[in-house]
PDB file of all heavy atoms in Angstrom:
ATOM      1  N   PRO A   1       0.824  -1.209   0.000  1.00  0.00           N
ATOM      2  CA  PRO A   1       0.000   0.000   0.000  1.00  0.00           C
ATOM      3  C   PRO A   1       0.862   1.264   0.000  1.00  0.00           C
ATOM      4  O   PRO A   1       1.862   1.352   0.718  1.00  0.00           O
ATOM      5  CB  PRO A   1      -0.796  -0.105   1.294  1.00  0.00           C
ATOM      6  CG  PRO A   1      -0.856  -1.565   1.593  1.00  0.00           C
ATOM      7  CD  PRO A   1       0.457  -2.117   1.089  1.00  0.00           C
ATOM      8  N   ILE A   2       0.477   2.225  -0.814  1.00  0.00           N
ATOM      9  CA  ILE A   2       1.268   3.442  -0.986  1.00  0.00           C
ATOM     10  C   ILE A   2       1.095   4.390   0.202  1.00  0.00           C
ATOM     11  O   ILE A   2       2.056   4.931   0.723  1.00  0.00           O
ATOM     12  CB  ILE A   2       0.859   4.146  -2.292  1.00  0.00           C
ATOM     13  CG1 ILE A   2       1.076   3.215  -3.481  1.00  0.00           C
ATOM     14  CG2 ILE A   2       1.640   5.435  -2.481  1.00  0.00           C
ATOM     15  CD1 ILE A   2       0.458   3.700  -4.774  1.00  0.00           C
ATOM     16  N   PHE A   3      -0.134   4.618   0.615  1.00  0.00           N
ATOM     17  CA  PHE A   3      -0.438   5.549   1.696  1.00  0.00           C
ATOM     18  C   PHE A   3      -1.181   4.813   2.803  1.00  0.00           C
ATOM     19  O   PHE A   3      -2.338   5.102   3.092  1.00  0.00           O
ATOM     20  CB  PHE A   3      -1.299   6.707   1.171  1.00  0.00           C
ATOM     21  CG  PHE A   3      -0.665   7.466   0.045  1.00  0.00           C
ATOM     22  CD1 PHE A   3      -1.137   7.348  -1.240  1.00  0.00           C
ATOM     23  CD2 PHE A   3       0.411   8.293   0.276  1.00  0.00           C
ATOM     24  CE1 PHE A   3      -0.566   8.045  -2.287  1.00  0.00           C
ATOM     25  CE2 PHE A   3       0.996   8.996  -0.753  1.00  0.00           C
ATOM     26  CZ  PHE A   3       0.510   8.862  -2.037  1.00  0.00           C
ATOM     27  N   LYS A   4      -0.519   3.859   3.438  1.00  0.00           N
ATOM     28  CA  LYS A   4      -1.169   2.954   4.378  1.00  0.00           C
ATOM     29  C   LYS A   4      -1.951   3.671   5.475  1.00  0.00           C
ATOM     30  O   LYS A   4      -3.056   3.273   5.808  1.00  0.00           O
ATOM     31  CB  LYS A   4      -0.120   2.034   4.997  1.00  0.00           C
ATOM     32  CG  LYS A   4      -0.711   0.951   5.859  1.00  0.00           C
ATOM     33  CD  LYS A   4       0.350  -0.009   6.330  1.00  0.00           C
ATOM     34  CE  LYS A   4      -0.250  -1.106   7.170  1.00  0.00           C
ATOM     35  NZ  LYS A   4       0.748  -2.056   7.616  1.00  0.00           N
ATOM     36  N   ASN A   5      -1.409   4.721   6.049  1.00  0.00           N
ATOM     37  CA  ASN A   5      -2.059   5.425   7.152  1.00  0.00           C
ATOM     38  C   ASN A   5      -2.356   6.880   6.803  1.00  0.00           C
ATOM     39  O   ASN A   5      -2.212   7.767   7.643  1.00  0.00           O
ATOM     40  CB  ASN A   5      -1.193   5.368   8.407  1.00  0.00           C
ATOM     41  CG  ASN A   5      -1.016   3.956   8.897  1.00  0.00           C
ATOM     42  OD1 ASN A   5      -1.975   3.212   9.024  1.00  0.00           O
ATOM     43  ND2 ASN A   5       0.207   3.562   9.149  1.00  0.00           N
ATOM     44  N   ASP A   6      -2.757   7.125   5.570  1.00  0.00           N
ATOM     45  CA  ASP A   6      -2.945   8.503   5.130  1.00  0.00           C
ATOM     46  C   ASP A   6      -4.154   8.600   4.200  1.00  0.00           C
ATOM     47  O   ASP A   6      -4.581   7.612   3.607  1.00  0.00           O
ATOM     48  CB  ASP A   6      -1.698   8.989   4.394  1.00  0.00           C
ATOM     49  CG  ASP A   6      -1.599  10.499   4.352  1.00  0.00           C
ATOM     50  OD1 ASP A   6      -2.484  11.186   4.901  1.00  0.00           O
ATOM     51  OD2 ASP A   6      -0.634  11.000   3.769  1.00  0.00           O
ATOM     52  N   PHE A   7      -4.700   9.787   4.110  1.00  0.00           N
ATOM     53  CA  PHE A   7      -5.759  10.102   3.153  1.00  0.00           C
ATOM     54  C   PHE A   7      -5.157  11.086   2.153  1.00  0.00           C
ATOM     55  O   PHE A   7      -5.208  12.301   2.353  1.00  0.00           O
ATOM     56  CB  PHE A   7      -6.970  10.737   3.846  1.00  0.00           C
ATOM     57  CG  PHE A   7      -7.707   9.797   4.744  1.00  0.00           C
ATOM     58  CD1 PHE A   7      -7.441   9.769   6.104  1.00  0.00           C
ATOM     59  CD2 PHE A   7      -8.657   8.935   4.230  1.00  0.00           C
ATOM     60  CE1 PHE A   7      -8.131   8.908   6.943  1.00  0.00           C
ATOM     61  CE2 PHE A   7      -9.349   8.066   5.058  1.00  0.00           C
ATOM     62  CZ  PHE A   7      -9.083   8.051   6.413  1.00  0.00           C
ATOM     63  N   ALA A   8      -4.571  10.567   1.104  1.00  0.00           N
ATOM     64  CA  ALA A   8      -3.864  11.394   0.126  1.00  0.00           C
ATOM     65  C   ALA A   8      -4.843  12.133  -0.780  1.00  0.00           C
ATOM     66  O   ALA A   8      -5.866  11.595  -1.181  1.00  0.00           O
ATOM     67  CB  ALA A   8      -2.948  10.514  -0.714  1.00  0.00           C
ATOM     68  N   ARG A   9      -4.501  13.380  -1.093  1.00  0.00           N
ATOM     69  CA  ARG A   9      -5.261  14.197  -2.043  1.00  0.00           C
ATOM     70  C   ARG A   9      -4.273  14.778  -3.053  1.00  0.00           C
ATOM     71  O   ARG A   9      -3.130  15.057  -2.711  1.00  0.00           O
ATOM     72  CB  ARG A   9      -5.991  15.329  -1.323  1.00  0.00           C
ATOM     73  CG  ARG A   9      -7.015  14.820  -0.339  1.00  0.00           C
ATOM     74  CD  ARG A   9      -7.604  15.980   0.449  1.00  0.00           C
ATOM     75  NE  ARG A   9      -8.441  15.499   1.527  1.00  0.00           N
ATOM     76  CZ  ARG A   9      -9.736  15.257   1.407  1.00  0.00           C
ATOM     77  NH1 ARG A   9     -10.348  15.457   0.268  1.00  0.00           N
ATOM     78  NH2 ARG A   9     -10.432  14.815   2.431  1.00  0.00           N
ATOM     79  N   PHE A  10      -4.751  14.969  -4.278  1.00  0.00           N
ATOM     80  CA  PHE A  10      -3.868  15.428  -5.343  1.00  0.00           C
ATOM     81  C   PHE A  10      -4.443  16.656  -6.043  1.00  0.00           C
ATOM     82  O   PHE A  10      -5.661  16.847  -6.091  1.00  0.00           O
ATOM     83  CB  PHE A  10      -3.662  14.308  -6.376  1.00  0.00           C
ATOM     84  CG  PHE A  10      -2.997  13.106  -5.792  1.00  0.00           C
ATOM     85  CD1 PHE A  10      -3.738  12.065  -5.286  1.00  0.00           C
ATOM     86  CD2 PHE A  10      -1.616  13.028  -5.724  1.00  0.00           C
ATOM     87  CE1 PHE A  10      -3.130  10.951  -4.731  1.00  0.00           C
ATOM     88  CE2 PHE A  10      -0.995  11.931  -5.165  1.00  0.00           C
ATOM     89  CZ  PHE A  10      -1.753  10.893  -4.672  1.00  0.00           C
ATOM     90  N   SER A  11      -3.546  17.449  -6.587  1.00  0.00           N
ATOM     91  CA  SER A  11      -3.909  18.629  -7.353  1.00  0.00           C
ATOM     92  C   SER A  11      -2.801  18.881  -8.370  1.00  0.00           C
ATOM     93  O   SER A  11      -1.885  18.069  -8.511  1.00  0.00           O
ATOM     94  CB  SER A  11      -4.080  19.837  -6.425  1.00  0.00           C
ATOM     95  OG  SER A  11      -4.446  20.983  -7.182  1.00  0.00           O
ATOM     96  N   TYR A  12      -2.868  20.008  -9.029  1.00  0.00           N
ATOM     97  CA  TYR A  12      -1.800  20.394  -9.955  1.00  0.00           C
ATOM     98  C   TYR A  12      -1.754  21.914 -10.061  1.00  0.00           C
ATOM     99  O   TYR A  12      -2.675  22.617  -9.647  1.00  0.00           O
ATOM    100  CB  TYR A  12      -2.022  19.772 -11.350  1.00  0.00           C
ATOM    101  CG  TYR A  12      -3.254  20.267 -12.067  1.00  0.00           C
ATOM    102  CD1 TYR A  12      -3.182  21.342 -12.948  1.00  0.00           C
ATOM    103  CD2 TYR A  12      -4.490  19.671 -11.854  1.00  0.00           C
ATOM    104  CE1 TYR A  12      -4.317  21.800 -13.604  1.00  0.00           C
ATOM    105  CE2 TYR A  12      -5.624  20.120 -12.505  1.00  0.00           C
ATOM    106  CZ  TYR A  12      -5.528  21.188 -13.378  1.00  0.00           C
ATOM    107  OH  TYR A  12      -6.642  21.648 -14.021  1.00  0.00           O
ATOM    108  N   ARG A  13      -0.660  22.401 -10.592  1.00  0.00           N
ATOM    109  CA  ARG A  13      -0.539  23.814 -10.931  1.00  0.00           C
ATOM    110  C   ARG A  13       0.380  23.921 -12.136  1.00  0.00           C
ATOM    111  O   ARG A  13       1.152  23.011 -12.442  1.00  0.00           O
ATOM    112  CB  ARG A  13      -0.022  24.644  -9.761  1.00  0.00           C
ATOM    113  CG  ARG A  13       1.429  24.385  -9.385  1.00  0.00           C
ATOM    114  CD  ARG A  13       1.845  25.284  -8.270  1.00  0.00           C
ATOM    115  NE  ARG A  13       3.222  25.010  -7.886  1.00  0.00           N
ATOM    116  CZ  ARG A  13       3.870  25.696  -6.976  1.00  0.00           C
ATOM    117  NH1 ARG A  13       3.287  26.684  -6.348  1.00  0.00           N
ATOM    118  NH2 ARG A  13       5.110  25.393  -6.675  1.00  0.00           N
ATOM    119  N   TRP A  14       0.297  25.047 -12.815  1.00  0.00           N
ATOM    120  CA  TRP A  14       1.105  25.276 -14.005  1.00  0.00           C
ATOM    121  C   TRP A  14       2.285  26.172 -13.677  1.00  0.00           C
ATOM    122  O   TRP A  14       2.173  27.095 -12.878  1.00  0.00           O
ATOM    123  CB  TRP A  14       0.285  25.954 -15.088  1.00  0.00           C
ATOM    124  CG  TRP A  14      -0.903  25.170 -15.523  1.00  0.00           C
ATOM    125  CD1 TRP A  14      -1.063  23.816 -15.475  1.00  0.00           C
ATOM    126  CD2 TRP A  14      -2.112  25.694 -16.061  1.00  0.00           C
ATOM    127  NE1 TRP A  14      -2.285  23.461 -15.966  1.00  0.00           N
ATOM    128  CE2 TRP A  14      -2.961  24.591 -16.344  1.00  0.00           C
ATOM    129  CE3 TRP A  14      -2.575  26.964 -16.355  1.00  0.00           C
ATOM    130  CZ2 TRP A  14      -4.215  24.741 -16.888  1.00  0.00           C
ATOM    131  CZ3 TRP A  14      -3.826  27.109 -16.906  1.00  0.00           C
ATOM    132  CH2 TRP A  14      -4.629  26.006 -17.163  1.00  0.00           C
ATOM    133  N   LYS A  15       3.419  25.918 -14.309  1.00  0.00           N
ATOM    134  CA  LYS A  15       4.571  26.812 -14.236  1.00  0.00           C
ATOM    135  C   LYS A  15       4.720  27.447 -15.609  1.00  0.00           C
ATOM    136  O   LYS A  15       4.822  26.758 -16.623  1.00  0.00           O
ATOM    137  CB  LYS A  15       5.850  26.063 -13.874  1.00  0.00           C
ATOM    138  CG  LYS A  15       7.049  26.989 -13.793  1.00  0.00           C
ATOM    139  CD  LYS A  15       8.319  26.245 -13.439  1.00  0.00           C
ATOM    140  CE  LYS A  15       9.478  27.222 -13.419  1.00  0.00           C
ATOM    141  NZ  LYS A  15      10.746  26.521 -13.222  1.00  0.00           N
ATOM    142  N   TYR A  16       4.712  28.763 -15.629  1.00  0.00           N
ATOM    143  CA  TYR A  16       4.787  29.501 -16.880  1.00  0.00           C
ATOM    144  C   TYR A  16       6.245  29.732 -17.288  1.00  0.00           C
ATOM    145  O   TYR A  16       7.160  29.623 -16.454  1.00  0.00           O
ATOM    146  CB  TYR A  16       4.064  30.844 -16.746  1.00  0.00           C
ATOM    147  CG  TYR A  16       2.590  30.682 -16.458  1.00  0.00           C
ATOM    148  CD1 TYR A  16       2.107  30.778 -15.158  1.00  0.00           C
ATOM    149  CD2 TYR A  16       1.696  30.420 -17.474  1.00  0.00           C
ATOM    150  CE1 TYR A  16       0.754  30.620 -14.891  1.00  0.00           C
ATOM    151  CE2 TYR A  16       0.342  30.257 -17.218  1.00  0.00           C
ATOM    152  CZ  TYR A  16      -0.120  30.362 -15.925  1.00  0.00           C
ATOM    153  OH  TYR A  16      -1.445  30.196 -15.655  1.00  0.00           O
ATOM    154  N   VAL A  17       6.463  30.074 -18.548  1.00  0.00           N
ATOM    155  CA  VAL A  17       7.827  30.273 -19.065  1.00  0.00           C
ATOM    156  C   VAL A  17       8.545  31.424 -18.365  1.00  0.00           C
ATOM    157  O   VAL A  17       9.774  31.442 -18.315  1.00  0.00           O
ATOM    158  CB  VAL A  17       7.827  30.493 -20.599  1.00  0.00           C
ATOM    159  CG1 VAL A  17       7.405  29.239 -21.320  1.00  0.00           C
ATOM    160  CG2 VAL A  17       6.958  31.665 -20.993  1.00  0.00           C
ATOM    161  N   ASP A  18       7.812  32.383 -17.781  1.00  0.00           N
ATOM    162  CA  ASP A  18       8.452  33.498 -17.073  1.00  0.00           C
ATOM    163  C   ASP A  18       8.780  33.162 -15.620  1.00  0.00           C
ATOM    164  O   ASP A  18       9.204  34.014 -14.850  1.00  0.00           O
ATOM    165  CB  ASP A  18       7.583  34.755 -17.158  1.00  0.00           C
ATOM    166  CG  ASP A  18       6.240  34.608 -16.455  1.00  0.00           C
ATOM    167  OD1 ASP A  18       5.952  33.520 -15.896  1.00  0.00           O
ATOM    168  OD2 ASP A  18       5.471  35.585 -16.458  1.00  0.00           O
ATOM    169  N   GLY A  19       8.582  31.881 -15.205  1.00  0.00           N
ATOM    170  CA  GLY A  19       8.915  31.455 -13.843  1.00  0.00           C
ATOM    171  C   GLY A  19       7.779  31.601 -12.843  1.00  0.00           C
ATOM    172  O   GLY A  19       7.917  31.188 -11.700  1.00  0.00           O
ATOM    173  N   GLU A  20       6.676  32.211 -13.224  1.00  0.00           N
ATOM    174  CA  GLU A  20       5.519  32.356 -12.345  1.00  0.00           C
ATOM    175  C   GLU A  20       4.732  31.047 -12.286  1.00  0.00           C
ATOM    176  O   GLU A  20       4.841  30.202 -13.170  1.00  0.00           O
ATOM    177  CB  GLU A  20       4.608  33.481 -12.850  1.00  0.00           C
ATOM    178  CG  GLU A  20       5.269  34.849 -12.855  1.00  0.00           C
ATOM    179  CD  GLU A  20       5.478  35.407 -11.464  1.00  0.00           C
ATOM    180  OE1 GLU A  20       4.618  35.177 -10.591  1.00  0.00           O
ATOM    181  OE2 GLU A  20       6.504  36.064 -11.243  1.00  0.00           O
ATOM    182  N   TYR A  21       3.918  30.906 -11.229  1.00  0.00           N
ATOM    183  CA  TYR A  21       3.087  29.708 -11.046  1.00  0.00           C
ATOM    184  C   TYR A  21       1.622  30.110 -10.980  1.00  0.00           C
ATOM    185  O   TYR A  21       1.287  31.181 -10.479  1.00  0.00           O
ATOM    186  CB  TYR A  21       3.455  28.988  -9.743  1.00  0.00           C
ATOM    187  CG  TYR A  21       4.797  28.326  -9.781  1.00  0.00           C
ATOM    188  CD1 TYR A  21       5.942  29.014  -9.414  1.00  0.00           C
ATOM    189  CD2 TYR A  21       4.922  27.009 -10.188  1.00  0.00           C
ATOM    190  CE1 TYR A  21       7.184  28.400  -9.444  1.00  0.00           C
ATOM    191  CE2 TYR A  21       6.155  26.383 -10.226  1.00  0.00           C
ATOM    192  CZ  TYR A  21       7.280  27.088  -9.857  1.00  0.00           C
ATOM    193  OH  TYR A  21       8.506  26.480  -9.895  1.00  0.00           O
ATOM    194  N   SER A  22       0.767  29.214 -11.422  1.00  0.00           N
ATOM    195  CA  SER A  22      -0.671  29.427 -11.279  1.00  0.00           C
ATOM    196  C   SER A  22      -1.082  29.095  -9.849  1.00  0.00           C
ATOM    197  O   SER A  22      -0.292  28.562  -9.068  1.00  0.00           O
ATOM    198  CB  SER A  22      -1.439  28.528 -12.256  1.00  0.00           C
ATOM    199  OG  SER A  22      -1.336  27.165 -11.851  1.00  0.00           O
ATOM    200  N   THR A  23      -2.319  29.373  -9.529  1.00  0.00           N
ATOM    201  CA  THR A  23      -2.852  28.916  -8.248  1.00  0.00           C
ATOM    202  C   THR A  23      -3.051  27.405  -8.324  1.00  0.00           C
ATOM    203  O   THR A  23      -3.032  26.824  -9.410  1.00  0.00           O
ATOM    204  CB  THR A  23      -4.197  29.589  -7.937  1.00  0.00           C
ATOM    205  OG1 THR A  23      -5.103  29.282  -8.987  1.00  0.00           O
ATOM    206  CG2 THR A  23      -4.037  31.087  -7.809  1.00  0.00           C
ATOM    207  N   TYR A  24      -3.246  26.774  -7.195  1.00  0.00           N
ATOM    208  CA  TYR A  24      -3.511  25.336  -7.180  1.00  0.00           C
ATOM    209  C   TYR A  24      -4.901  25.067  -7.760  1.00  0.00           C
ATOM    210  O   TYR A  24      -5.843  25.796  -7.471  1.00  0.00           O
ATOM    211  CB  TYR A  24      -3.498  24.767  -5.760  1.00  0.00           C
ATOM    212  CG  TYR A  24      -2.219  24.957  -4.995  1.00  0.00           C
ATOM    213  CD1 TYR A  24      -2.234  24.975  -3.613  1.00  0.00           C
ATOM    214  CD2 TYR A  24      -0.997  25.110  -5.627  1.00  0.00           C
ATOM    215  CE1 TYR A  24      -1.082  25.129  -2.883  1.00  0.00           C
ATOM    216  CE2 TYR A  24       0.174  25.265  -4.908  1.00  0.00           C
ATOM    217  CZ  TYR A  24       0.117  25.277  -3.537  1.00  0.00           C
ATOM    218  OH  TYR A  24       1.269  25.428  -2.826  1.00  0.00           O
ATOM    219  N   ALA A  25      -5.013  24.006  -8.509  1.00  0.00           N
ATOM    220  CA  ALA A  25      -6.339  23.525  -8.910  1.00  0.00           C
ATOM    221  C   ALA A  25      -6.972  22.907  -7.664  1.00  0.00           C
ATOM    222  O   ALA A  25      -6.272  22.596  -6.693  1.00  0.00           O
ATOM    223  CB  ALA A  25      -6.202  22.490 -10.017  1.00  0.00           C
ATOM    224  N   PRO A  26      -8.281  22.713  -7.661  1.00  0.00           N
ATOM    225  CA  PRO A  26      -8.903  22.078  -6.485  1.00  0.00           C
ATOM    226  C   PRO A  26      -8.298  20.689  -6.229  1.00  0.00           C
ATOM    227  O   PRO A  26      -7.970  19.970  -7.172  1.00  0.00           O
ATOM    228  CB  PRO A  26     -10.379  21.957  -6.879  1.00  0.00           C
ATOM    229  CG  PRO A  26     -10.574  22.982  -7.936  1.00  0.00           C
ATOM    230  CD  PRO A  26      -9.268  23.084  -8.660  1.00  0.00           C
ATOM    231  N   PHE A  27      -8.153  20.337  -4.969  1.00  0.00           N
ATOM    232  CA  PHE A  27      -7.619  19.020  -4.622  1.00  0.00           C
ATOM    233  C   PHE A  27      -8.688  17.959  -4.845  1.00  0.00           C
ATOM    234  O   PHE A  27      -9.886  18.222  -4.723  1.00  0.00           O
ATOM    235  CB  PHE A  27      -7.126  18.994  -3.174  1.00  0.00           C
ATOM    236  CG  PHE A  27      -5.749  19.564  -3.022  1.00  0.00           C
ATOM    237  CD1 PHE A  27      -5.552  20.921  -2.880  1.00  0.00           C
ATOM    238  CD2 PHE A  27      -4.638  18.734  -3.047  1.00  0.00           C
ATOM    239  CE1 PHE A  27      -4.284  21.446  -2.760  1.00  0.00           C
ATOM    240  CE2 PHE A  27      -3.364  19.243  -2.922  1.00  0.00           C
ATOM    241  CZ  PHE A  27      -3.184  20.606  -2.779  1.00  0.00           C
ATOM    242  N   SER A  28      -8.232  16.770  -5.153  1.00  0.00           N
ATOM    243  CA  SER A  28      -9.135  15.635  -5.369  1.00  0.00           C
ATOM    244  C   SER A  28      -9.754  15.204  -4.042  1.00  0.00           C
ATOM    245  O   SER A  28      -9.331  15.633  -2.974  1.00  0.00           O
ATOM    246  CB  SER A  28      -8.356  14.458  -5.969  1.00  0.00           C
ATOM    247  OG  SER A  28      -7.426  13.957  -5.006  1.00  0.00           O
ATOM    248  N   THR A  29     -10.722  14.335  -4.131  1.00  0.00           N
ATOM    249  CA  THR A  29     -11.223  13.689  -2.925  1.00  0.00           C
ATOM    250  C   THR A  29     -10.119  12.754  -2.427  1.00  0.00           C
ATOM    251  O   THR A  29      -9.177  12.441  -3.158  1.00  0.00           O
ATOM    252  CB  THR A  29     -12.506  12.886  -3.199  1.00  0.00           C
ATOM    253  OG1 THR A  29     -12.230  11.936  -4.219  1.00  0.00           O
ATOM    254  CG2 THR A  29     -13.639  13.798  -3.648  1.00  0.00           C
ATOM    255  N   ALA A  30     -10.219  12.312  -1.206  1.00  0.00           N
ATOM    256  CA  ALA A  30      -9.184  11.450  -0.627  1.00  0.00           C
ATOM    257  C   ALA A  30      -9.074  10.152  -1.411  1.00  0.00           C
ATOM    258  O   ALA A  30     -10.070   9.514  -1.727  1.00  0.00           O
ATOM    259  CB  ALA A  30      -9.492  11.151   0.827  1.00  0.00           C
ATOM    260  N   ALA A  31      -7.841   9.776  -1.724  1.00  0.00           N
ATOM    261  CA  ALA A  31      -7.576   8.501  -2.395  1.00  0.00           C
ATOM    262  C   ALA A  31      -7.459   7.441  -1.305  1.00  0.00           C
ATOM    263  O   ALA A  31      -6.418   7.311  -0.668  1.00  0.00           O
ATOM    264  CB  ALA A  31      -6.295   8.601  -3.216  1.00  0.00           C
ATOM    265  N   PHE A  32      -8.529   6.705  -1.089  1.00  0.00           N
ATOM    266  CA  PHE A  32      -8.568   5.763   0.026  1.00  0.00           C
ATOM    267  C   PHE A  32      -9.408   4.548  -0.346  1.00  0.00           C
ATOM    268  O   PHE A  32     -10.534   4.686  -0.813  1.00  0.00           O
ATOM    269  CB  PHE A  32      -9.158   6.426   1.273  1.00  0.00           C
ATOM    270  CG  PHE A  32      -9.203   5.535   2.470  1.00  0.00           C
ATOM    271  CD1 PHE A  32      -8.073   5.345   3.249  1.00  0.00           C
ATOM    272  CD2 PHE A  32     -10.364   4.867   2.818  1.00  0.00           C
ATOM    273  CE1 PHE A  32      -8.110   4.510   4.364  1.00  0.00           C
ATOM    274  CE2 PHE A  32     -10.408   4.038   3.924  1.00  0.00           C
ATOM    275  CZ  PHE A  32      -9.276   3.859   4.694  1.00  0.00           C
TER     276      PHE A  32
END
């Protein structure tokens, strides 16, 4: 098991060519 004692959530963000970052996308529901 990858996250045996955890409720993992995932999201993403973009990195632009000028070095700036976007805000986080909404996190997923818990992967459990």
